[in-house]
Protein backbone atom coordinates (compact mmCIF):
# COMPACT_ATOMS: atom_id res chain seq x y z
CA UNK A 1 0.00 0.00 0.00
CA UNK A 2 1.38 3.38 -1.00
CA UNK A 3 1.80 6.06 1.64
CA UNK A 4 -1.05 8.58 1.80
CA UNK A 5 -0.21 12.22 2.34
CA UNK A 6 -2.74 14.71 3.62
CA UNK A 7 -3.89 17.31 1.09
CA UNK A 8 -3.15 20.92 1.91
CA UNK A 9 -5.92 23.47 1.52
CA UNK A 10 -3.72 25.43 -0.87
CA UNK A 11 -3.91 22.47 -3.28
CA UNK A 12 -7.72 22.52 -3.45
CA UNK A 13 -9.31 24.69 -6.15
CA UNK A 14 -11.46 27.52 -4.76
CA UNK A 15 -14.23 26.71 -7.22
CA UNK A 16 -16.80 23.98 -6.70
CA UNK A 17 -16.80 22.60 -10.25
CA UNK A 18 -13.01 22.56 -10.44
CA UNK A 19 -12.87 20.90 -7.02
CA UNK A 20 -15.31 18.17 -8.07
CA UNK A 21 -13.03 17.29 -10.97
CA UNK A 22 -9.84 17.65 -8.93
CA UNK A 23 -11.02 15.20 -6.27
CA UNK A 24 -11.31 12.30 -8.73
CA UNK A 25 -8.41 10.01 -7.87
CA UNK A 26 -7.80 11.58 -4.47
CA UNK A 27 -8.37 9.62 -1.26
CA UNK A 28 -10.94 9.91 1.52
CA UNK A 29 -9.60 8.55 4.82
CA UNK A 30 -11.69 7.61 7.86
CA UNK A 31 -9.72 6.85 11.03
CA UNK A 32 -11.55 5.14 13.91
CA UNK A 33 -10.48 3.22 17.04
CA UNK A 34 -11.26 0.01 15.10
CA UNK A 35 -8.87 0.94 12.33
CA UNK A 36 -8.54 2.90 9.11
CA UNK A 37 -10.90 2.83 6.14
CA UNK A 38 -9.88 4.60 2.96
CA UNK A 39 -10.80 4.75 -0.70
CA UNK A 40 -10.00 6.55 -3.93
CA UNK A 41 -12.70 9.02 -4.91
CA UNK A 42 -13.98 7.84 -8.29
CA UNK A 43 -17.22 9.84 -8.60
CA UNK A 44 -18.33 13.31 -7.51
CA UNK A 45 -20.97 15.95 -8.24
CA UNK A 46 -20.76 19.74 -7.96
CA UNK A 47 -23.55 21.83 -6.42
CA UNK A 48 -22.96 25.49 -7.16
CA UNK A 49 -23.86 28.95 -5.95
CA UNK A 50 -27.32 29.80 -7.32
CA UNK A 51 -27.99 26.13 -8.12
CA UNK A 52 -31.61 25.22 -7.37
CA UNK A 53 -30.57 21.63 -6.64
CA UNK A 54 -28.02 22.71 -4.01
CA UNK A 55 -28.71 22.65 -0.28
CA UNK A 56 -27.24 26.15 -0.10
CA UNK A 57 -29.72 27.59 -2.60
CA UNK A 58 -31.95 29.33 -0.04
CA UNK A 59 -29.08 30.57 2.10
CA UNK A 60 -27.37 29.49 5.28
CA UNK A 61 -29.29 27.50 7.90
CA UNK A 62 -28.34 25.55 11.01
CA UNK A 63 -28.39 22.38 8.91
CA UNK A 64 -26.27 23.52 5.95
CA UNK A 65 -23.86 26.00 7.55
CA UNK A 66 -20.89 23.71 6.87
CA UNK A 67 -21.38 24.30 3.12
CA UNK A 68 -20.50 27.93 3.78
CA UNK A 69 -17.19 27.15 5.49
CA UNK A 70 -13.88 27.69 3.73
CA UNK A 71 -13.28 25.12 0.97
CA UNK A 72 -12.16 21.74 2.25
CA UNK A 73 -14.64 21.18 5.10
CA UNK A 74 -17.10 18.31 5.47
CA UNK A 75 -20.84 18.84 5.12
CA UNK A 76 -22.67 15.72 6.29
CA UNK A 77 -26.44 15.41 6.13
CA UNK A 78 -29.15 12.78 6.59
CA UNK A 79 -31.37 12.27 3.56
CA UNK A 80 -34.61 10.44 2.74
CA UNK A 81 -34.75 9.17 6.32
CA UNK A 82 -32.33 6.41 5.35
CA UNK A 83 -28.68 7.40 5.01
CA UNK A 84 -26.01 10.04 5.35
CA UNK A 85 -24.11 11.75 2.54
CA UNK A 86 -20.82 13.64 2.69
CA UNK A 87 -19.84 16.75 0.73
CA UNK A 88 -16.71 18.88 0.58
CA UNK A 89 -17.26 22.64 0.80
CA UNK A 90 -15.99 24.26 -2.37
CA UNK A 91 -15.90 28.04 -2.10
CA UNK A 92 -14.50 30.85 0.07
CA UNK A 93 -15.91 31.20 3.56
CA UNK A 94 -19.43 32.60 3.53
CA UNK A 95 -20.26 31.32 0.03
CA UNK A 96 -22.28 28.10 -0.20
CA UNK A 97 -21.14 25.46 -2.65
CA UNK A 98 -20.19 21.81 -2.26
CA UNK A 99 -19.00 18.61 -3.89
CA UNK A 100 -21.01 15.46 -3.18
CA UNK A 101 -18.76 12.40 -2.92
CA UNK A 102 -20.66 9.67 -4.75
CA UNK A 103 -18.31 6.66 -4.87
CA UNK A 104 -15.00 5.29 -3.64
CA UNK A 105 -12.73 2.48 -4.75
CA UNK A 106 -11.91 0.74 -1.43
CA UNK A 107 -8.22 0.72 -0.47
CA UNK A 108 -7.80 0.08 3.25
CA UNK A 109 -10.13 -1.41 5.84
CA UNK A 110 -12.18 -3.47 3.42
CA UNK A 111 -13.25 -5.86 6.18
CA UNK A 112 -14.36 -2.93 8.34
CA UNK A 113 -16.41 -1.63 5.42
CA UNK A 114 -17.82 -5.11 4.82
CA UNK A 115 -18.93 -5.32 8.46
CA UNK A 116 -21.24 -2.39 7.79
CA UNK A 117 -22.34 -3.54 4.30
CA UNK A 118 -22.08 -7.34 4.52
CA UNK A 119 -24.13 -8.13 1.42
CA UNK A 120 -22.19 -5.87 -0.96
CA UNK A 121 -19.39 -7.04 -3.27
CA UNK A 122 -16.14 -5.10 -2.90
CA UNK A 123 -16.76 -2.87 -5.92
CA UNK A 124 -20.16 -1.87 -4.46
CA UNK A 125 -19.11 -1.32 -0.83
CA UNK A 126 -18.87 2.46 -1.28
CA UNK A 127 -20.67 2.94 -4.60
CA UNK A 128 -23.35 5.59 -4.18
CA UNK A 129 -23.44 8.43 -1.61
CA UNK A 130 -25.32 6.52 1.09
CA UNK A 131 -23.24 3.38 0.63
CA UNK A 132 -20.06 5.45 0.87
CA UNK A 133 -21.08 7.06 4.16
CA UNK A 134 -22.31 3.76 5.59
CA UNK A 135 -19.14 1.85 4.66
CA UNK A 136 -16.90 4.54 6.19
CA UNK A 137 -19.09 5.10 9.29
CA UNK A 138 -19.73 8.77 8.43
CA UNK A 139 -22.57 10.58 10.15
CA UNK A 140 -23.47 14.03 11.51
CA UNK A 141 -20.79 13.79 14.20
CA UNK A 142 -18.30 14.56 11.41
CA UNK A 143 -20.19 17.54 9.99
CA UNK A 144 -18.02 20.66 9.79
CA UNK A 145 -14.68 18.87 10.11
CA UNK A 146 -11.66 20.39 8.39
CA UNK A 147 -10.68 17.72 5.85
CA UNK A 148 -7.21 19.21 5.48
CA UNK A 149 -6.40 18.89 9.21
CA UNK A 150 -5.59 16.04 11.56
CA UNK A 151 -8.80 14.30 12.52
CA UNK A 152 -11.05 11.27 12.00
CA UNK A 153 -11.92 12.18 8.38
CA UNK A 154 -9.52 13.73 5.90
CA UNK A 155 -8.52 14.07 2.25
CA UNK A 156 -5.31 12.63 0.94
CA UNK A 157 -3.34 11.61 -2.10
CA UNK A 158 -0.90 8.83 -2.88
CA UNK A 159 2.54 10.25 -2.28
CA UNK A 160 4.09 8.78 -5.43
CA UNK A 161 1.16 7.81 -7.64
CA UNK A 162 1.81 7.78 -11.36
CA UNK A 163 -0.49 7.17 -14.29
CA UNK A 164 -3.21 9.18 -15.94
CA UNK A 165 -6.83 9.12 -14.86
CA UNK A 166 -9.41 9.42 -17.63
CA UNK A 167 -12.25 11.52 -16.24
CA UNK A 168 -15.77 11.30 -17.61
CA UNK A 169 -18.42 14.01 -17.30
CA UNK A 170 -22.21 13.79 -17.27
CA UNK A 171 -25.40 15.24 -15.87
CA UNK A 172 -26.01 14.67 -12.16
CA UNK A 173 -27.88 11.65 -10.84
CA UNK A 174 -31.01 11.68 -8.70
CA UNK A 175 -31.82 15.39 -8.83
CA UNK A 176 -35.12 16.90 -9.98
CA UNK A 177 -33.92 20.48 -10.51
CA UNK A 178 -31.37 21.79 -13.02
CA UNK A 179 -31.05 18.27 -14.37
CA UNK A 180 -29.30 19.44 -17.55
CA UNK A 181 -26.10 20.58 -15.85
CA UNK A 182 -23.01 18.44 -16.65
CA UNK A 183 -21.64 18.62 -13.11
CA UNK A 184 -20.92 14.96 -12.38
CA UNK A 185 -17.36 13.66 -12.75
CA UNK A 186 -16.14 10.07 -12.61
CA UNK A 187 -13.21 7.84 -13.45
CA UNK A 188 -13.97 6.12 -16.73
CA UNK A 189 -13.84 2.34 -16.63
CA UNK A 190 -13.79 2.08 -12.84
CA UNK A 191 -16.27 -0.60 -11.64
CA UNK A 192 -16.90 1.25 -8.37
CA UNK A 193 -18.64 4.18 -10.11
CA UNK A 194 -22.39 4.29 -9.39
CA UNK A 195 -25.31 5.05 -11.63
CA UNK A 196 -26.78 3.58 -14.82
CA UNK A 197 -24.47 1.97 -17.34
CA UNK A 198 -24.78 4.76 -19.91
CA UNK A 199 -23.50 7.25 -17.29
CA UNK A 200 -20.48 5.12 -16.35
CA UNK A 201 -18.90 4.52 -19.75
């Protein structure tokens, strides 16, 4: 396993769309007393300022205030009464925009992930926003965390990774507003990417 280095905030684009693309191939790390879970980010979606599908669209609230933190913070929310989802704030402080993390390729802690999603094959352990949060034991306790600082949830990169990632682009999945926007990014050919087949090619 290659060494993972923590991303510095200065490396993250201060633009939600650019950040969504940049995060493909980066690593989300979840450290717990039971051990480490990590995975390569292989799918993301951008939710922009003025975007009717974004949680920040109507302004800051107690629930969404983490979206308005400086880029690189976690926004975790409970949705549909079933699961949590995790976003990365994408703008300057006070401006609401975020990147939804949709899928990971598991790297470390596969058995820990499997303990939370026992029926899922490895390539589906963290495929889809709710599956990702479940597999990595992410919930509202982690909302507002600085993902560029030492803590239980952080963003990283392989220290010496080589090779080119081919990034695909499509409309977002599962939204009912502004459905035409091509704001979803994913690693082409990766079996861990979620969504229908025609949006994974």
